[in-house]
């Protein structure tokens, strides 16, 4: 998987097929910064979660609820 294909405003889709976030930008090589949520907070997910990039969407390896539980507010854990 080529992380250079990840661009701003791409939908981030969970393993169940639903969108749970939108890409703000790639943060270095290892993290994706997500657009602010309804509370005005950015979140980060590791690029290791990405299983594929298809049809202009970032596909991740976990259900949306789990992803939102596991994401972080900084690009390092």
PDB file of N, CA and C in Angstrom:
ATOM      1  N   UNK A   1       0.833  -1.168   0.000  1.00  0.00           N
ATOM      2  CA  UNK A   1       0.000   0.000   0.000  1.00  0.00           C
ATOM      3  C   UNK A   1       0.883   1.238   0.000  1.00  0.00           C
ATOM      4  N   UNK A   2       0.588   2.152  -0.885  1.00  0.00           N
ATOM      5  CA  UNK A   2       1.361   3.375  -1.030  1.00  0.00           C
ATOM      6  C   UNK A   2       0.646   4.513  -0.305  1.00  0.00           C
ATOM      7  N   UNK A   3       1.217   4.975   0.808  1.00  0.00           N
ATOM      8  CA  UNK A   3       0.565   6.040   1.572  1.00  0.00           C
ATOM      9  C   UNK A   3       0.522   7.360   0.806  1.00  0.00           C
ATOM     10  N   UNK A   4       1.320   7.504  -0.237  1.00  0.00           N
ATOM     11  CA  UNK A   4       1.273   8.720  -1.051  1.00  0.00           C
ATOM     12  C   UNK A   4      -0.074   8.879  -1.749  1.00  0.00           C
ATOM     13  N   UNK A   5      -0.855   7.815  -1.802  1.00  0.00           N
ATOM     14  CA  UNK A   5      -2.192   7.877  -2.404  1.00  0.00           C
ATOM     15  C   UNK A   5      -3.221   8.496  -1.464  1.00  0.00           C
ATOM     16  N   UNK A   6      -2.855   8.661  -0.196  1.00  0.00           N
ATOM     17  CA  UNK A   6      -3.770   9.236   0.788  1.00  0.00           C
ATOM     18  C   UNK A   6      -3.709  10.755   0.674  1.00  0.00           C
ATOM     19  N   UNK A   7      -4.855  11.356   0.374  1.00  0.00           N
ATOM     20  CA  UNK A   7      -4.910  12.807   0.169  1.00  0.00           C
ATOM     21  C   UNK A   7      -6.040  13.415   1.007  1.00  0.00           C
ATOM     22  N   UNK A   8      -5.963  14.739   1.255  1.00  0.00           N
ATOM     23  CA  UNK A   8      -7.008  15.398   2.037  1.00  0.00           C
ATOM     24  C   UNK A   8      -8.406  15.165   1.468  1.00  0.00           C
ATOM     25  N   UNK A   9      -9.345  15.092   2.383  1.00  0.00           N
ATOM     26  CA  UNK A   9     -10.777  14.944   2.109  1.00  0.00           C
ATOM     27  C   UNK A   9     -11.197  13.543   1.659  1.00  0.00           C
ATOM     28  N   UNK A  10     -10.280  12.567   1.686  1.00  0.00           N
ATOM     29  CA  UNK A  10     -10.669  11.185   1.385  1.00  0.00           C
ATOM     30  C   UNK A  10     -11.502  10.643   2.544  1.00  0.00           C
ATOM     31  N   UNK A  11     -12.584   9.943   2.256  1.00  0.00           N
ATOM     32  CA  UNK A  11     -13.341   9.276   3.313  1.00  0.00           C
ATOM     33  C   UNK A  11     -12.503   8.144   3.919  1.00  0.00           C
ATOM     34  N   UNK A  12     -12.649   7.945   5.232  1.00  0.00           N
ATOM     35  CA  UNK A  12     -12.011   6.824   5.920  1.00  0.00           C
ATOM     36  C   UNK A  12     -13.133   5.856   6.273  1.00  0.00           C
ATOM     37  N   UNK A  13     -13.023   4.629   5.757  1.00  0.00           N
ATOM     38  CA  UNK A  13     -14.103   3.646   5.834  1.00  0.00           C
ATOM     39  C   UNK A  13     -13.676   2.467   6.708  1.00  0.00           C
ATOM     40  N   UNK A  14     -14.555   2.087   7.627  1.00  0.00           N
ATOM     41  CA  UNK A  14     -14.260   0.987   8.544  1.00  0.00           C
ATOM     42  C   UNK A  14     -14.454  -0.370   7.861  1.00  0.00           C
ATOM     43  N   UNK A  15     -14.095  -1.421   8.579  1.00  0.00           N
ATOM     44  CA  UNK A  15     -14.194  -2.778   8.036  1.00  0.00           C
ATOM     45  C   UNK A  15     -15.636  -3.204   7.785  1.00  0.00           C
ATOM     46  N   UNK A  16     -16.594  -2.485   8.365  1.00  0.00           N
ATOM     47  CA  UNK A  16     -18.010  -2.790   8.158  1.00  0.00           C
ATOM     48  C   UNK A  16     -18.595  -2.019   6.976  1.00  0.00           C
ATOM     49  N   UNK A  17     -17.765  -1.183   6.345  1.00  0.00           N
ATOM     50  CA  UNK A  17     -18.198  -0.476   5.142  1.00  0.00           C
ATOM     51  C   UNK A  17     -18.703   0.938   5.334  1.00  0.00           C
ATOM     52  N   UNK A  18     -18.770   1.411   6.565  1.00  0.00           N
ATOM     53  CA  UNK A  18     -19.265   2.765   6.817  1.00  0.00           C
ATOM     54  C   UNK A  18     -18.144   3.770   6.998  1.00  0.00           C
ATOM     55  N   UNK A  19     -18.382   4.986   6.567  1.00  0.00           N
ATOM     56  CA  UNK A  19     -17.404   6.054   6.758  1.00  0.00           C
ATOM     57  C   UNK A  19     -17.491   6.553   8.191  1.00  0.00           C
ATOM     58  N   UNK A  20     -16.332   6.670   8.867  1.00  0.00           N
ATOM     59  CA  UNK A  20     -16.325   7.188  10.229  1.00  0.00           C
ATOM     60  C   UNK A  20     -15.483   8.442  10.376  1.00  0.00           C
ATOM     61  N   UNK A  21     -14.761   8.829   9.319  1.00  0.00           N
ATOM     62  CA  UNK A  21     -13.908  10.014   9.394  1.00  0.00           C
ATOM     63  C   UNK A  21     -13.523  10.446   7.985  1.00  0.00           C
ATOM     64  N   UNK A  22     -12.832  11.592   7.921  1.00  0.00           N
ATOM     65  CA  UNK A  22     -12.323  12.129   6.664  1.00  0.00           C
ATOM     66  C   UNK A  22     -10.876  12.548   6.886  1.00  0.00           C
ATOM     67  N   UNK A  23     -10.025  12.278   5.917  1.00  0.00           N
ATOM     68  CA  UNK A  23      -8.607  12.627   6.012  1.00  0.00           C
ATOM     69  C   UNK A  23      -8.430  14.143   6.001  1.00  0.00           C
ATOM     70  N   UNK A  24      -7.654  14.652   6.952  1.00  0.00           N
ATOM     71  CA  UNK A  24      -7.193  16.041   6.913  1.00  0.00           C
ATOM     72  C   UNK A  24      -5.907  16.061   6.090  1.00  0.00           C
ATOM     73  N   UNK A  25      -4.919  15.264   6.534  1.00  0.00           N
ATOM     74  CA  UNK A  25      -3.688  15.090   5.762  1.00  0.00           C
ATOM     75  C   UNK A  25      -2.863  13.954   6.358  1.00  0.00           C
ATOM     76  N   UNK A  26      -1.870  13.535   5.615  1.00  0.00           N
ATOM     77  CA  UNK A  26      -0.928  12.526   6.083  1.00  0.00           C
ATOM     78  C   UNK A  26       0.074  13.222   6.992  1.00  0.00           C
ATOM     79  N   UNK A  27       0.271  12.683   8.176  1.00  0.00           N
ATOM     80  CA  UNK A  27       1.180  13.260   9.164  1.00  0.00           C
ATOM     81  C   UNK A  27       2.436  12.394   9.190  1.00  0.00           C
ATOM     82  N   UNK A  28       3.454  12.815   8.446  1.00  0.00           N
ATOM     83  CA  UNK A  28       4.645  11.994   8.315  1.00  0.00           C
ATOM     84  C   UNK A  28       4.323  10.744   7.515  1.00  0.00           C
ATOM     85  N   UNK A  29       5.010   9.663   7.813  1.00  0.00           N
ATOM     86  CA  UNK A  29       4.785   8.408   7.095  1.00  0.00           C
ATOM     87  C   UNK A  29       3.890   7.440   7.858  1.00  0.00           C
ATOM     88  N   UNK A  30       3.690   7.701   9.153  1.00  0.00           N
ATOM     89  CA  UNK A  30       3.047   6.699   9.996  1.00  0.00           C
ATOM     90  C   UNK A  30       1.654   7.037  10.509  1.00  0.00           C
ATOM     91  N   UNK A  31       1.191   8.265  10.290  1.00  0.00           N
ATOM     92  CA  UNK A  31      -0.110   8.657  10.832  1.00  0.00           C
ATOM     93  C   UNK A  31      -0.939   9.433   9.824  1.00  0.00           C
ATOM     94  N   UNK A  32      -2.246   9.287   9.955  1.00  0.00           N
ATOM     95  CA  UNK A  32      -3.203  10.071   9.188  1.00  0.00           C
ATOM     96  C   UNK A  32      -3.911  10.984  10.185  1.00  0.00           C
ATOM     97  N   UNK A  33      -3.842  12.279   9.927  1.00  0.00           N
ATOM     98  CA  UNK A  33      -4.590  13.238  10.737  1.00  0.00           C
ATOM     99  C   UNK A  33      -5.979  13.345  10.119  1.00  0.00           C
ATOM    100  N   UNK A  34      -6.988  13.223  10.960  1.00  0.00           N
ATOM    101  CA  UNK A  34      -8.370  13.261  10.498  1.00  0.00           C
ATOM    102  C   UNK A  34      -8.953  14.659  10.688  1.00  0.00           C
ATOM    103  N   UNK A  35      -9.938  15.005   9.863  1.00  0.00           N
ATOM    104  CA  UNK A  35     -10.637  16.280  10.028  1.00  0.00           C
ATOM    105  C   UNK A  35     -11.239  16.351  11.422  1.00  0.00           C
ATOM    106  N   UNK A  36     -11.469  17.553  11.894  1.00  0.00           N
ATOM    107  CA  UNK A  36     -12.050  17.754  13.220  1.00  0.00           C
ATOM    108  C   UNK A  36     -13.418  17.081  13.326  1.00  0.00           C
ATOM    109  N   UNK A  37     -13.672  16.533  14.512  1.00  0.00           N
ATOM    110  CA  UNK A  37     -14.981  15.938  14.769  1.00  0.00           C
ATOM    111  C   UNK A  37     -15.970  17.026  15.185  1.00  0.00           C
ATOM    112  N   UNK A  38     -17.168  16.641  15.577  1.00  0.00           N
ATOM    113  CA  UNK A  38     -18.200  17.606  15.937  1.00  0.00           C
ATOM    114  C   UNK A  38     -17.833  18.444  17.153  1.00  0.00           C
ATOM    115  N   UNK A  39     -16.847  17.996  17.929  1.00  0.00           N
ATOM    116  CA  UNK A  39     -16.378  18.747  19.093  1.00  0.00           C
ATOM    117  C   UNK A  39     -15.169  19.619  18.775  1.00  0.00           C
ATOM    118  N   UNK A  40     -14.782  19.666  17.502  1.00  0.00           N
ATOM    119  CA  UNK A  40     -13.651  20.492  17.095  1.00  0.00           C
ATOM    120  C   UNK A  40     -12.294  19.865  17.367  1.00  0.00           C
ATOM    121  N   UNK A  41     -12.257  18.558  17.569  1.00  0.00           N
ATOM    122  CA  UNK A  41     -11.016  17.851  17.903  1.00  0.00           C
ATOM    123  C   UNK A  41     -10.504  17.036  16.721  1.00  0.00           C
ATOM    124  N   UNK A  42      -9.209  17.207  16.409  1.00  0.00           N
ATOM    125  CA  UNK A  42      -8.570  16.337  15.424  1.00  0.00           C
ATOM    126  C   UNK A  42      -8.225  15.012  16.096  1.00  0.00           C
ATOM    127  N   UNK A  43      -8.187  13.944  15.317  1.00  0.00           N
ATOM    128  CA  UNK A  43      -7.739  12.640  15.795  1.00  0.00           C
ATOM    129  C   UNK A  43      -6.748  12.085  14.793  1.00  0.00           C
ATOM    130  N   UNK A  44      -5.967  11.108  15.235  1.00  0.00           N
ATOM    131  CA  UNK A  44      -4.951  10.480  14.400  1.00  0.00           C
ATOM    132  C   UNK A  44      -5.148   8.975  14.413  1.00  0.00           C
ATOM    133  N   UNK A  45      -4.919   8.366  13.258  1.00  0.00           N
ATOM    134  CA  UNK A  45      -4.887   6.908  13.180  1.00  0.00           C
ATOM    135  C   UNK A  45      -3.574   6.510  12.516  1.00  0.00           C
ATOM    136  N   UNK A  46      -3.005   5.376  12.924  1.00  0.00           N
ATOM    137  CA  UNK A  46      -1.766   4.933  12.285  1.00  0.00           C
ATOM    138  C   UNK A  46      -2.026   4.391  10.880  1.00  0.00           C
ATOM    139  N   UNK A  47      -1.080   4.601  10.006  1.00  0.00           N
ATOM    140  CA  UNK A  47      -1.217   4.075   8.643  1.00  0.00           C
ATOM    141  C   UNK A  47      -1.215   2.550   8.647  1.00  0.00           C
ATOM    142  N   UNK A  48      -0.745   1.927   9.719  1.00  0.00           N
ATOM    143  CA  UNK A  48      -0.752   0.459   9.800  1.00  0.00           C
ATOM    144  C   UNK A  48      -2.175  -0.100   9.812  1.00  0.00           C
ATOM    145  N   UNK A  49      -3.167   0.705  10.123  1.00  0.00           N
ATOM    146  CA  UNK A  49      -4.562   0.260  10.090  1.00  0.00           C
ATOM    147  C   UNK A  49      -5.087   0.148   8.667  1.00  0.00           C
ATOM    148  N   UNK A  50      -4.452   0.832   7.736  1.00  0.00           N
ATOM    149  CA  UNK A  50      -4.960   0.902   6.367  1.00  0.00           C
ATOM    150  C   UNK A  50      -4.750  -0.433   5.664  1.00  0.00           C
ATOM    151  N   UNK A  51      -5.838  -0.993   5.151  1.00  0.00           N
ATOM    152  CA  UNK A  51      -5.756  -2.260   4.427  1.00  0.00           C
ATOM    153  C   UNK A  51      -5.699  -2.044   2.925  1.00  0.00           C
ATOM    154  N   UNK A  52      -6.294  -0.936   2.479  1.00  0.00           N
ATOM    155  CA  UNK A  52      -6.364  -0.684   1.043  1.00  0.00           C
ATOM    156  C   UNK A  52      -6.805   0.754   0.813  1.00  0.00           C
ATOM    157  N   UNK A  53      -6.522   1.227  -0.369  1.00  0.00           N
ATOM    158  CA  UNK A  53      -7.064   2.499  -0.834  1.00  0.00           C
ATOM    159  C   UNK A  53      -7.784   2.167  -2.126  1.00  0.00           C
ATOM    160  N   UNK A  54      -9.102   2.323  -2.113  1.00  0.00           N
ATOM    161  CA  UNK A  54      -9.878   1.944  -3.290  1.00  0.00           C
ATOM    162  C   UNK A  54     -11.019   2.926  -3.527  1.00  0.00           C
ATOM    163  N   UNK A  55     -11.240   3.226  -4.782  1.00  0.00           N
ATOM    164  CA  UNK A  55     -12.320   4.138  -5.177  1.00  0.00           C
ATOM    165  C   UNK A  55     -12.278   5.458  -4.412  1.00  0.00           C
ATOM    166  N   UNK A  56     -11.054   5.964  -4.180  1.00  0.00           N
ATOM    167  CA  UNK A  56     -10.905   7.244  -3.498  1.00  0.00           C
ATOM    168  C   UNK A  56     -11.204   7.208  -2.017  1.00  0.00           C
ATOM    169  N   UNK A  57     -11.150   6.009  -1.406  1.00  0.00           N
ATOM    170  CA  UNK A  57     -11.442   5.848   0.014  1.00  0.00           C
ATOM    171  C   UNK A  57     -10.308   5.108   0.706  1.00  0.00           C
ATOM    172  N   UNK A  58     -10.053   5.494   1.949  1.00  0.00           N
ATOM    173  CA  UNK A  58      -9.076   4.810   2.791  1.00  0.00           C
ATOM    174  C   UNK A  58      -9.828   3.743   3.576  1.00  0.00           C
ATOM    175  N   UNK A  59      -9.480   2.489   3.364  1.00  0.00           N
ATOM    176  CA  UNK A  59     -10.128   1.370   4.042  1.00  0.00           C
ATOM    177  C   UNK A  59      -9.255   0.942   5.226  1.00  0.00           C
ATOM    178  N   UNK A  60      -9.875   0.759   6.404  1.00  0.00           N
ATOM    179  CA  UNK A  60      -9.117   0.340   7.582  1.00  0.00           C
ATOM    180  C   UNK A  60      -9.583  -1.024   8.085  1.00  0.00           C
ATOM    181  N   UNK A  61      -8.766  -1.604   8.955  1.00  0.00           N
ATOM    182  CA  UNK A  61      -8.923  -2.998   9.363  1.00  0.00           C
ATOM    183  C   UNK A  61      -9.858  -3.250  10.539  1.00  0.00           C
ATOM    184  N   UNK A  62     -10.587  -2.243  10.995  1.00  0.00           N
ATOM    185  CA  UNK A  62     -11.423  -2.438  12.182  1.00  0.00           C
ATOM    186  C   UNK A  62     -12.773  -1.741  12.044  1.00  0.00           C
ATOM    187  N   UNK A  63     -13.750  -2.180  12.836  1.00  0.00           N
ATOM    188  CA  UNK A  63     -15.051  -1.511  12.813  1.00  0.00           C
ATOM    189  C   UNK A  63     -14.918  -0.053  13.267  1.00  0.00           C
ATOM    190  N   UNK A  64     -15.805   0.795  12.811  1.00  0.00           N
ATOM    191  CA  UNK A  64     -15.745   2.215  13.128  1.00  0.00           C
ATOM    192  C   UNK A  64     -15.755   2.514  14.615  1.00  0.00           C
ATOM    193  N   UNK A  65     -16.611   1.825  15.357  1.00  0.00           N
ATOM    194  CA  UNK A  65     -16.682   2.051  16.802  1.00  0.00           C
ATOM    195  C   UNK A  65     -15.345   1.744  17.464  1.00  0.00           C
ATOM    196  N   UNK A  66     -14.704   0.662  17.054  1.00  0.00           N
ATOM    197  CA  UNK A  66     -13.398   0.304  17.603  1.00  0.00           C
ATOM    198  C   UNK A  66     -12.345   1.324  17.185  1.00  0.00           C
ATOM    199  N   UNK A  67     -12.381   1.750  15.939  1.00  0.00           N
ATOM    200  CA  UNK A  67     -11.415   2.739  15.448  1.00  0.00           C
ATOM    201  C   UNK A  67     -11.518   4.035  16.242  1.00  0.00           C
ATOM    202  N   UNK A  68     -12.742   4.480  16.505  1.00  0.00           N
ATOM    203  CA  UNK A  68     -12.925   5.722  17.250  1.00  0.00           C
ATOM    204  C   UNK A  68     -12.511   5.568  18.713  1.00  0.00           C
ATOM    205  N   UNK A  69     -12.567   4.356  19.229  1.00  0.00           N
ATOM    206  CA  UNK A  69     -12.090   4.093  20.586  1.00  0.00           C
ATOM    207  C   UNK A  69     -10.558   4.091  20.621  1.00  0.00           C
ATOM    208  N   UNK A  70      -9.943   3.585  19.548  1.00  0.00           N
ATOM    209  CA  UNK A  70      -8.491   3.410  19.505  1.00  0.00           C
ATOM    210  C   UNK A  70      -7.713   4.613  18.979  1.00  0.00           C
ATOM    211  N   UNK A  71      -8.382   5.551  18.269  1.00  0.00           N
ATOM    212  CA  UNK A  71      -7.621   6.658  17.697  1.00  0.00           C
ATOM    213  C   UNK A  71      -7.034   7.524  18.794  1.00  0.00           C
ATOM    214  N   UNK A  72      -6.108   8.392  18.444  1.00  0.00           N
ATOM    215  CA  UNK A  72      -5.448   9.227  19.441  1.00  0.00           C
ATOM    216  C   UNK A  72      -5.597  10.697  19.082  1.00  0.00           C
ATOM    217  N   UNK A  73      -5.299  11.554  20.050  1.00  0.00           N
ATOM    218  CA  UNK A  73      -5.362  12.997  19.834  1.00  0.00           C
ATOM    219  C   UNK A  73      -4.003  13.574  19.465  1.00  0.00           C
ATOM    220  N   UNK A  74      -2.983  12.722  19.459  1.00  0.00           N
ATOM    221  CA  UNK A  74      -1.640  13.118  19.028  1.00  0.00           C
ATOM    222  C   UNK A  74      -1.120  12.045  18.081  1.00  0.00           C
ATOM    223  N   UNK A  75      -0.137  12.380  17.236  1.00  0.00           N
ATOM    224  CA  UNK A  75       0.340  11.384  16.273  1.00  0.00           C
ATOM    225  C   UNK A  75       1.263  10.325  16.849  1.00  0.00           C
ATOM    226  N   UNK A  76       1.459  10.299  18.150  1.00  0.00           N
ATOM    227  CA  UNK A  76       2.256   9.242  18.768  1.00  0.00           C
ATOM    228  C   UNK A  76       1.486   8.674  19.945  1.00  0.00           C
ATOM    229  N   UNK A  77       1.658   7.391  20.175  1.00  0.00           N
ATOM    230  CA  UNK A  77       0.942   6.733  21.289  1.00  0.00           C
ATOM    231  C   UNK A  77       1.833   6.645  22.496  1.00  0.00           C
TER     232      UNK A  77
END
